[in-house]
Amino acid sequence: ANCGAPPLQVFFSVTLPAVMPGVITGSLLMFILALNEF
């Protein structure tokens, strides 16, 4: 932000890459759970 990046750019350039392991983990887990939902 101090370098002039707007909030949206900070989110996509810094925040989202940092939490991407959790996003991938949750996505695969949600897919498996939905696949087996009865």
ModelCIF file with pLDDT and N, C-alpha, C, O atoms, coordinates in Angstrom:
data_MODEL
#
_entry.id   MODEL 
#
_entity.id                         1 
_entity.type                       polymer 
_entity.pdbx_number_of_molecules   1 
#
_entity_poly.entity_id                      1 
_entity_poly.type                           'polypeptide(L)' 
_entity_poly.nstd_linkage                   no 
_entity_poly.nstd_monomer                   no 
_entity_poly.pdbx_seq_one_letter_code       ANCGAPPLQVFFSVTLPAVMPGVITGSLLMFILALNEF 
_entity_poly.pdbx_seq_one_letter_code_can   ANCGAPPLQVFFSVTLPAVMPGVITGSLLMFILALNEF 
_entity_poly.pdbx_strand_id                 A 
#
loop_
_entity_poly_seq.entity_id 
_entity_poly_seq.num 
_entity_poly_seq.mon_id 
_entity_poly_seq.hetero 
1 1  ALA n 
1 2  ASN n 
1 3  CYS n 
1 4  GLY n 
1 5  ALA n 
1 6  PRO n 
1 7  PRO n 
1 8  LEU n 
1 9  GLN n 
1 10 VAL n 
1 11 PHE n 
1 12 PHE n 
1 13 SER n 
1 14 VAL n 
1 15 THR n 
1 16 LEU n 
1 17 PRO n 
1 18 ALA n 
1 19 VAL n 
1 20 MET n 
1 21 PRO n 
1 22 GLY n 
1 23 VAL n 
1 24 ILE n 
1 25 THR n 
1 26 GLY n 
1 27 SER n 
1 28 LEU n 
1 29 LEU n 
1 30 MET n 
1 31 PHE n 
1 32 ILE n 
1 33 LEU n 
1 34 ALA n 
1 35 LEU n 
1 36 ASN n 
1 37 GLU n 
1 38 PHE n 
#
_struct_asym.id          A 
_struct_asym.entity_id   1 
#
loop_
_ma_qa_metric.id 
_ma_qa_metric.mode 
_ma_qa_metric.name 
_ma_qa_metric.software_group_id 
_ma_qa_metric.type 
1 global pLDDT . pLDDT 
2 local  pLDDT . pLDDT 
#
_ma_qa_metric_global.metric_id      1 
_ma_qa_metric_global.metric_value   79.00 
_ma_qa_metric_global.model_id       1 
_ma_qa_metric_global.ordinal_id     1 
#
loop_
_ma_qa_metric_local.label_asym_id 
_ma_qa_metric_local.label_comp_id 
_ma_qa_metric_local.label_seq_id 
_ma_qa_metric_local.metric_id 
_ma_qa_metric_local.metric_value 
_ma_qa_metric_local.model_id 
_ma_qa_metric_local.ordinal_id 
A ALA 1  2 70.00 1 1  
A ASN 2  2 69.00 1 2  
A CYS 3  2 74.00 1 3  
A GLY 4  2 72.00 1 4  
A ALA 5  2 71.00 1 5  
A PRO 6  2 75.00 1 6  
A PRO 7  2 73.00 1 7  
A LEU 8  2 76.00 1 8  
A GLN 9  2 75.00 1 9  
A VAL 10 2 72.00 1 10 
A PHE 11 2 75.00 1 11 
A PHE 12 2 76.00 1 12 
A SER 13 2 77.00 1 13 
A VAL 14 2 75.00 1 14 
A THR 15 2 77.00 1 15 
A LEU 16 2 78.00 1 16 
A PRO 17 2 79.00 1 17 
A ALA 18 2 79.00 1 18 
A VAL 19 2 81.00 1 19 
A MET 20 2 82.00 1 20 
A PRO 21 2 81.00 1 21 
A GLY 22 2 82.00 1 22 
A VAL 23 2 85.00 1 23 
A ILE 24 2 83.00 1 24 
A THR 25 2 82.00 1 25 
A GLY 26 2 84.00 1 26 
A SER 27 2 86.00 1 27 
A LEU 28 2 84.00 1 28 
A LEU 29 2 83.00 1 29 
A MET 30 2 86.00 1 30 
A PHE 31 2 87.00 1 31 
A ILE 32 2 84.00 1 32 
A LEU 33 2 84.00 1 33 
A ALA 34 2 85.00 1 34 
A LEU 35 2 82.00 1 35 
A ASN 36 2 80.00 1 36 
A GLU 37 2 80.00 1 37 
A PHE 38 2 78.00 1 38 
#
loop_
_atom_site.group_PDB 
_atom_site.id 
_atom_site.type_symbol 
_atom_site.label_atom_id 
_atom_site.label_alt_id 
_atom_site.label_comp_id 
_atom_site.label_asym_id 
_atom_site.label_entity_id 
_atom_site.label_seq_id 
_atom_site.pdbx_PDB_ins_code 
_atom_site.Cartn_x 
_atom_site.Cartn_y 
_atom_site.Cartn_z 
_atom_site.occupancy 
_atom_site.B_iso_or_equiv 
_atom_site.pdbx_formal_charge 
_atom_site.auth_seq_id 
_atom_site.auth_comp_id 
_atom_site.auth_asym_id 
_atom_site.auth_atom_id 
_atom_site.pdbx_PDB_model_num 
ATOM 1   N N  . ALA A 1 1  ? 0.826   -1.207  0.000  1.00 70.00 ? 1  ALA A N  1 
ATOM 2   C CA . ALA A 1 1  ? 0.000   0.000   0.000  1.00 70.00 ? 1  ALA A CA 1 
ATOM 3   C C  . ALA A 1 1  ? 0.860   1.256   0.000  1.00 70.00 ? 1  ALA A C  1 
ATOM 4   O O  . ALA A 1 1  ? 0.524   2.238   -0.662 1.00 70.00 ? 1  ALA A O  1 
ATOM 5   N N  . ASN A 1 2  ? 1.972   1.232   0.742  1.00 69.00 ? 2  ASN A N  1 
ATOM 6   C CA . ASN A 1 2  ? 2.873   2.389   0.780  1.00 69.00 ? 2  ASN A CA 1 
ATOM 7   C C  . ASN A 1 2  ? 3.540   2.636   -0.562 1.00 69.00 ? 2  ASN A C  1 
ATOM 8   O O  . ASN A 1 2  ? 3.942   3.760   -0.866 1.00 69.00 ? 2  ASN A O  1 
ATOM 9   N N  . CYS A 1 3  ? 3.656   1.589   -1.359 1.00 74.00 ? 3  CYS A N  1 
ATOM 10  C CA . CYS A 1 3  ? 4.241   1.741   -2.699 1.00 74.00 ? 3  CYS A CA 1 
ATOM 11  C C  . CYS A 1 3  ? 3.228   2.264   -3.712 1.00 74.00 ? 3  CYS A C  1 
ATOM 12  O O  . CYS A 1 3  ? 3.552   2.445   -4.886 1.00 74.00 ? 3  CYS A O  1 
ATOM 13  N N  . GLY A 1 4  ? 2.012   2.505   -3.260 1.00 72.00 ? 4  GLY A N  1 
ATOM 14  C CA . GLY A 1 4  ? 1.004   3.098   -4.137 1.00 72.00 ? 4  GLY A CA 1 
ATOM 15  C C  . GLY A 1 4  ? 0.006   2.115   -4.706 1.00 72.00 ? 4  GLY A C  1 
ATOM 16  O O  . GLY A 1 4  ? -0.820  2.494   -5.536 1.00 72.00 ? 4  GLY A O  1 
ATOM 17  N N  . ALA A 1 5  ? 0.056   0.862   -4.285 1.00 71.00 ? 5  ALA A N  1 
ATOM 18  C CA . ALA A 1 5  ? -0.885  -0.121  -4.817 1.00 71.00 ? 5  ALA A CA 1 
ATOM 19  C C  . ALA A 1 5  ? -2.265  0.111   -4.207 1.00 71.00 ? 5  ALA A C  1 
ATOM 20  O O  . ALA A 1 5  ? -2.379  0.247   -2.989 1.00 71.00 ? 5  ALA A O  1 
ATOM 21  N N  . PRO A 1 6  ? -3.317  0.158   -5.028 1.00 75.00 ? 6  PRO A N  1 
ATOM 22  C CA . PRO A 1 6  ? -4.674  0.307   -4.492 1.00 75.00 ? 6  PRO A CA 1 
ATOM 23  C C  . PRO A 1 6  ? -5.086  -0.962  -3.741 1.00 75.00 ? 6  PRO A C  1 
ATOM 24  O O  . PRO A 1 6  ? -4.456  -2.004  -3.917 1.00 75.00 ? 6  PRO A O  1 
ATOM 25  N N  . PRO A 1 7  ? -6.128  -0.897  -2.911 1.00 73.00 ? 7  PRO A N  1 
ATOM 26  C CA . PRO A 1 7  ? -6.538  -2.054  -2.097 1.00 73.00 ? 7  PRO A CA 1 
ATOM 27  C C  . PRO A 1 7  ? -6.803  -3.316  -2.918 1.00 73.00 ? 7  PRO A C  1 
ATOM 28  O O  . PRO A 1 7  ? -6.442  -4.421  -2.513 1.00 73.00 ? 7  PRO A O  1 
ATOM 29  N N  . LEU A 1 8  ? -7.443  -3.134  -4.080 1.00 76.00 ? 8  LEU A N  1 
ATOM 30  C CA . LEU A 1 8  ? -7.746  -4.317  -4.888 1.00 76.00 ? 8  LEU A CA 1 
ATOM 31  C C  . LEU A 1 8  ? -6.474  -4.986  -5.393 1.00 76.00 ? 8  LEU A C  1 
ATOM 32  O O  . LEU A 1 8  ? -6.383  -6.213  -5.421 1.00 76.00 ? 8  LEU A O  1 
ATOM 33  N N  . GLN A 1 9  ? -5.500  -4.186  -5.788 1.00 75.00 ? 9  GLN A N  1 
ATOM 34  C CA . GLN A 1 9  ? -4.238  -4.739  -6.251 1.00 75.00 ? 9  GLN A CA 1 
ATOM 35  C C  . GLN A 1 9  ? -3.473  -5.402  -5.104 1.00 75.00 ? 9  GLN A C  1 
ATOM 36  O O  . GLN A 1 9  ? -2.836  -6.436  -5.299 1.00 75.00 ? 9  GLN A O  1 
ATOM 37  N N  . VAL A 1 10 ? -3.537  -4.805  -3.904 1.00 72.00 ? 10 VAL A N  1 
ATOM 38  C CA . VAL A 1 10 ? -2.903  -5.423  -2.742 1.00 72.00 ? 10 VAL A CA 1 
ATOM 39  C C  . VAL A 1 10 ? -3.507  -6.799  -2.477 1.00 72.00 ? 10 VAL A C  1 
ATOM 40  O O  . VAL A 1 10 ? -2.800  -7.755  -2.160 1.00 72.00 ? 10 VAL A O  1 
ATOM 41  N N  . PHE A 1 11 ? -4.829  -6.875  -2.615 1.00 75.00 ? 11 PHE A N  1 
ATOM 42  C CA . PHE A 1 11 ? -5.496  -8.152  -2.358 1.00 75.00 ? 11 PHE A CA 1 
ATOM 43  C C  . PHE A 1 11 ? -5.033  -9.225  -3.347 1.00 75.00 ? 11 PHE A C  1 
ATOM 44  O O  . PHE A 1 11 ? -4.684  -10.335 -2.945 1.00 75.00 ? 11 PHE A O  1 
ATOM 45  N N  . PHE A 1 12 ? -5.031  -8.893  -4.634 1.00 76.00 ? 12 PHE A N  1 
ATOM 46  C CA . PHE A 1 12 ? -4.697  -9.897  -5.645 1.00 76.00 ? 12 PHE A CA 1 
ATOM 47  C C  . PHE A 1 12 ? -3.190  -10.152 -5.749 1.00 76.00 ? 12 PHE A C  1 
ATOM 48  O O  . PHE A 1 12 ? -2.778  -11.224 -6.192 1.00 76.00 ? 12 PHE A O  1 
ATOM 49  N N  . SER A 1 13 ? -2.374  -9.194  -5.352 1.00 77.00 ? 13 SER A N  1 
ATOM 50  C CA . SER A 1 13 ? -0.930  -9.358  -5.490 1.00 77.00 ? 13 SER A CA 1 
ATOM 51  C C  . SER A 1 13 ? -0.254  -9.891  -4.238 1.00 77.00 ? 13 SER A C  1 
ATOM 52  O O  . SER A 1 13 ? 0.784   -10.548 -4.327 1.00 77.00 ? 13 SER A O  1 
ATOM 53  N N  . VAL A 1 14 ? -0.833  -9.614  -3.063 1.00 75.00 ? 14 VAL A N  1 
ATOM 54  C CA . VAL A 1 14 ? -0.189  -9.996  -1.803 1.00 75.00 ? 14 VAL A CA 1 
ATOM 55  C C  . VAL A 1 14 ? -1.049  -10.961 -0.999 1.00 75.00 ? 14 VAL A C  1 
ATOM 56  O O  . VAL A 1 14 ? -0.609  -12.059 -0.657 1.00 75.00 ? 14 VAL A O  1 
ATOM 57  N N  . THR A 1 15 ? -2.281  -10.545 -0.698 1.00 77.00 ? 15 THR A N  1 
ATOM 58  C CA . THR A 1 15 ? -3.122  -11.330 0.209  1.00 77.00 ? 15 THR A CA 1 
ATOM 59  C C  . THR A 1 15 ? -3.509  -12.674 -0.391 1.00 77.00 ? 15 THR A C  1 
ATOM 60  O O  . THR A 1 15 ? -3.322  -13.719 0.232  1.00 77.00 ? 15 THR A O  1 
ATOM 61  N N  . LEU A 1 16 ? -4.045  -12.638 -1.594 1.00 78.00 ? 16 LEU A N  1 
ATOM 62  C CA . LEU A 1 16 ? -4.537  -13.882 -2.200 1.00 78.00 ? 16 LEU A CA 1 
ATOM 63  C C  . LEU A 1 16 ? -3.430  -14.907 -2.427 1.00 78.00 ? 16 LEU A C  1 
ATOM 64  O O  . LEU A 1 16 ? -3.629  -16.079 -2.107 1.00 78.00 ? 16 LEU A O  1 
ATOM 65  N N  . PRO A 1 17 ? -2.252  -14.514 -2.973 1.00 79.00 ? 17 PRO A N  1 
ATOM 66  C CA . PRO A 1 17 ? -1.181  -15.520 -3.095 1.00 79.00 ? 17 PRO A CA 1 
ATOM 67  C C  . PRO A 1 17 ? -0.759  -16.108 -1.748 1.00 79.00 ? 17 PRO A C  1 
ATOM 68  O O  . PRO A 1 17 ? -0.381  -17.278 -1.673 1.00 79.00 ? 17 PRO A O  1 
ATOM 69  N N  . ALA A 1 18 ? -0.823  -15.304 -0.686 1.00 79.00 ? 18 ALA A N  1 
ATOM 70  C CA . ALA A 1 18 ? -0.397  -15.796 0.626  1.00 79.00 ? 18 ALA A CA 1 
ATOM 71  C C  . ALA A 1 18 ? -1.359  -16.843 1.177  1.00 79.00 ? 18 ALA A C  1 
ATOM 72  O O  . ALA A 1 18 ? -0.937  -17.780 1.854  1.00 79.00 ? 18 ALA A O  1 
ATOM 73  N N  . VAL A 1 19 ? -2.650  -16.688 0.889  1.00 81.00 ? 19 VAL A N  1 
ATOM 74  C CA . VAL A 1 19 ? -3.639  -17.642 1.417  1.00 81.00 ? 19 VAL A CA 1 
ATOM 75  C C  . VAL A 1 19 ? -3.989  -18.719 0.397  1.00 81.00 ? 19 VAL A C  1 
ATOM 76  O O  . VAL A 1 19 ? -4.865  -19.546 0.649  1.00 81.00 ? 19 VAL A O  1 
ATOM 77  N N  . MET A 1 20 ? -3.309  -18.717 -0.761 1.00 82.00 ? 20 MET A N  1 
ATOM 78  C CA . MET A 1 20 ? -3.639  -19.678 -1.812 1.00 82.00 ? 20 MET A CA 1 
ATOM 79  C C  . MET A 1 20 ? -3.539  -21.142 -1.353 1.00 82.00 ? 20 MET A C  1 
ATOM 80  O O  . MET A 1 20 ? -4.368  -21.949 -1.773 1.00 82.00 ? 20 MET A O  1 
ATOM 81  N N  . PRO A 1 21 ? -2.562  -21.524 -0.509 1.00 81.00 ? 21 PRO A N  1 
ATOM 82  C CA . PRO A 1 21 ? -2.574  -22.918 -0.028 1.00 81.00 ? 21 PRO A CA 1 
ATOM 83  C C  . PRO A 1 21 ? -3.873  -23.295 0.682  1.00 81.00 ? 21 PRO A C  1 
ATOM 84  O O  . PRO A 1 21 ? -4.383  -24.401 0.504  1.00 81.00 ? 21 PRO A O  1 
ATOM 85  N N  . GLY A 1 22 ? -4.406  -22.376 1.483  1.00 82.00 ? 22 GLY A N  1 
ATOM 86  C CA . GLY A 1 22 ? -5.674  -22.644 2.145  1.00 82.00 ? 22 GLY A CA 1 
ATOM 87  C C  . GLY A 1 22 ? -6.831  -22.699 1.164  1.00 82.00 ? 22 GLY A C  1 
ATOM 88  O O  . GLY A 1 22 ? -7.748  -23.503 1.334  1.00 82.00 ? 22 GLY A O  1 
ATOM 89  N N  . VAL A 1 23 ? -6.802  -21.865 0.148  1.00 85.00 ? 23 VAL A N  1 
ATOM 90  C CA . VAL A 1 23 ? -7.854  -21.870 -0.867 1.00 85.00 ? 23 VAL A CA 1 
ATOM 91  C C  . VAL A 1 23 ? -7.859  -23.198 -1.620 1.00 85.00 ? 23 VAL A C  1 
ATOM 92  O O  . VAL A 1 23 ? -8.914  -23.791 -1.846 1.00 85.00 ? 23 VAL A O  1 
ATOM 93  N N  . ILE A 1 24 ? -6.674  -23.655 -2.004 1.00 83.00 ? 24 ILE A N  1 
ATOM 94  C CA . ILE A 1 24 ? -6.578  -24.934 -2.719 1.00 83.00 ? 24 ILE A CA 1 
ATOM 95  C C  . ILE A 1 24 ? -7.032  -26.084 -1.826 1.00 83.00 ? 24 ILE A C  1 
ATOM 96  O O  . ILE A 1 24 ? -7.765  -26.970 -2.264 1.00 83.00 ? 24 ILE A O  1 
ATOM 97  N N  . THR A 1 25 ? -6.589  -26.060 -0.571 1.00 82.00 ? 25 THR A N  1 
ATOM 98  C CA . THR A 1 25 ? -6.979  -27.104 0.369  1.00 82.00 ? 25 THR A CA 1 
ATOM 99  C C  . THR A 1 25 ? -8.484  -27.142 0.550  1.00 82.00 ? 25 THR A C  1 
ATOM 100 O O  . THR A 1 25 ? -9.101  -28.203 0.450  1.00 82.00 ? 25 THR A O  1 
ATOM 101 N N  . GLY A 1 26 ? -9.079  -25.984 0.818  1.00 84.00 ? 26 GLY A N  1 
ATOM 102 C CA . GLY A 1 26 ? -10.525 -25.933 1.015  1.00 84.00 ? 26 GLY A CA 1 
ATOM 103 C C  . GLY A 1 26 ? -11.300 -26.310 -0.227 1.00 84.00 ? 26 GLY A C  1 
ATOM 104 O O  . GLY A 1 26 ? -12.341 -26.959 -0.132 1.00 84.00 ? 26 GLY A O  1 
ATOM 105 N N  . SER A 1 27 ? -10.811 -25.914 -1.395 1.00 86.00 ? 27 SER A N  1 
ATOM 106 C CA . SER A 1 27 ? -11.506 -26.225 -2.642 1.00 86.00 ? 27 SER A CA 1 
ATOM 107 C C  . SER A 1 27 ? -11.545 -27.726 -2.896 1.00 86.00 ? 27 SER A C  1 
ATOM 108 O O  . SER A 1 27 ? -12.588 -28.274 -3.251 1.00 86.00 ? 27 SER A O  1 
ATOM 109 N N  . LEU A 1 28 ? -10.411 -28.386 -2.716 1.00 84.00 ? 28 LEU A N  1 
ATOM 110 C CA . LEU A 1 28 ? -10.383 -29.831 -2.922 1.00 84.00 ? 28 LEU A CA 1 
ATOM 111 C C  . LEU A 1 28 ? -11.266 -30.547 -1.909 1.00 84.00 ? 28 LEU A C  1 
ATOM 112 O O  . LEU A 1 28 ? -11.949 -31.516 -2.238 1.00 84.00 ? 28 LEU A O  1 
ATOM 113 N N  . LEU A 1 29 ? -11.242 -30.059 -0.677 1.00 83.00 ? 29 LEU A N  1 
ATOM 114 C CA . LEU A 1 29 ? -12.071 -30.679 0.351  1.00 83.00 ? 29 LEU A CA 1 
ATOM 115 C C  . LEU A 1 29 ? -13.558 -30.494 0.048  1.00 83.00 ? 29 LEU A C  1 
ATOM 116 O O  . LEU A 1 29 ? -14.344 -31.430 0.201  1.00 83.00 ? 29 LEU A O  1 
ATOM 117 N N  . MET A 1 30 ? -13.944 -29.302 -0.378 1.00 86.00 ? 30 MET A N  1 
ATOM 118 C CA . MET A 1 30 ? -15.341 -29.052 -0.734 1.00 86.00 ? 30 MET A CA 1 
ATOM 119 C C  . MET A 1 30 ? -15.767 -29.921 -1.910 1.00 86.00 ? 30 MET A C  1 
ATOM 120 O O  . MET A 1 30 ? -16.895 -30.412 -1.942 1.00 86.00 ? 30 MET A O  1 
ATOM 121 N N  . PHE A 1 31 ? -14.877 -30.112 -2.868 1.00 87.00 ? 31 PHE A N  1 
ATOM 122 C CA . PHE A 1 31 ? -15.201 -30.953 -4.022 1.00 87.00 ? 31 PHE A CA 1 
ATOM 123 C C  . PHE A 1 31 ? -15.434 -32.395 -3.593 1.00 87.00 ? 31 PHE A C  1 
ATOM 124 O O  . PHE A 1 31 ? -16.383 -33.035 -4.047 1.00 87.00 ? 31 PHE A O  1 
ATOM 125 N N  . ILE A 1 32 ? -14.574 -32.906 -2.722 1.00 84.00 ? 32 ILE A N  1 
ATOM 126 C CA . ILE A 1 32 ? -14.718 -34.290 -2.261 1.00 84.00 ? 32 ILE A CA 1 
ATOM 127 C C  . ILE A 1 32 ? -16.009 -34.464 -1.466 1.00 84.00 ? 32 ILE A C  1 
ATOM 128 O O  . ILE A 1 32 ? -16.737 -35.437 -1.662 1.00 84.00 ? 32 ILE A O  1 
ATOM 129 N N  . LEU A 1 33 ? -16.290 -33.519 -0.570 1.00 84.00 ? 33 LEU A N  1 
ATOM 130 C CA . LEU A 1 33 ? -17.492 -33.621 0.250  1.00 84.00 ? 33 LEU A CA 1 
ATOM 131 C C  . LEU A 1 33 ? -18.752 -33.566 -0.601 1.00 84.00 ? 33 LEU A C  1 
ATOM 132 O O  . LEU A 1 33 ? -19.700 -34.312 -0.354 1.00 84.00 ? 33 LEU A O  1 
ATOM 133 N N  . ALA A 1 34 ? -18.771 -32.688 -1.603 1.00 85.00 ? 34 ALA A N  1 
ATOM 134 C CA . ALA A 1 34 ? -19.939 -32.602 -2.482 1.00 85.00 ? 34 ALA A CA 1 
ATOM 135 C C  . ALA A 1 34 ? -20.058 -33.842 -3.358 1.00 85.00 ? 34 ALA A C  1 
ATOM 136 O O  . ALA A 1 34 ? -21.163 -34.277 -3.682 1.00 85.00 ? 34 ALA A O  1 
ATOM 137 N N  . LEU A 1 35 ? -18.933 -34.400 -3.734 1.00 82.00 ? 35 LEU A N  1 
ATOM 138 C CA . LEU A 1 35 ? -18.944 -35.595 -4.572 1.00 82.00 ? 35 LEU A CA 1 
ATOM 139 C C  . LEU A 1 35 ? -19.594 -36.767 -3.851 1.00 82.00 ? 35 LEU A C  1 
ATOM 140 O O  . LEU A 1 35 ? -20.235 -37.609 -4.479 1.00 82.00 ? 35 LEU A O  1 
ATOM 141 N N  . ASN A 1 36 ? -19.430 -36.821 -2.537 1.00 80.00 ? 36 ASN A N  1 
ATOM 142 C CA . ASN A 1 36 ? -19.939 -37.944 -1.761 1.00 80.00 ? 36 ASN A CA 1 
ATOM 143 C C  . ASN A 1 36 ? -21.226 -37.622 -1.007 1.00 80.00 ? 36 ASN A C  1 
ATOM 144 O O  . ASN A 1 36 ? -21.731 -38.465 -0.266 1.00 80.00 ? 36 ASN A O  1 
ATOM 145 N N  . GLU A 1 37 ? -21.761 -36.424 -1.182 1.00 80.00 ? 37 GLU A N  1 
ATOM 146 C CA . GLU A 1 37 ? -22.965 -36.042 -0.448 1.00 80.00 ? 37 GLU A CA 1 
ATOM 147 C C  . GLU A 1 37 ? -24.167 -36.869 -0.896 1.00 80.00 ? 37 GLU A C  1 
ATOM 148 O O  . GLU A 1 37 ? -24.463 -36.963 -2.087 1.00 80.00 ? 37 GLU A O  1 
ATOM 149 N N  . PHE A 1 38 ? -24.852 -37.463 0.072  1.00 78.00 ? 38 PHE A N  1 
ATOM 150 C CA . PHE A 1 38 ? -25.984 -38.340 -0.249 1.00 78.00 ? 38 PHE A CA 1 
ATOM 151 C C  . PHE A 1 38 ? -27.315 -37.787 0.236  1.00 78.00 ? 38 PHE A C  1 
ATOM 152 O O  . PHE A 1 38 ? -28.355 -38.416 0.037  1.00 78.00 ? 38 PHE A O  1 
#
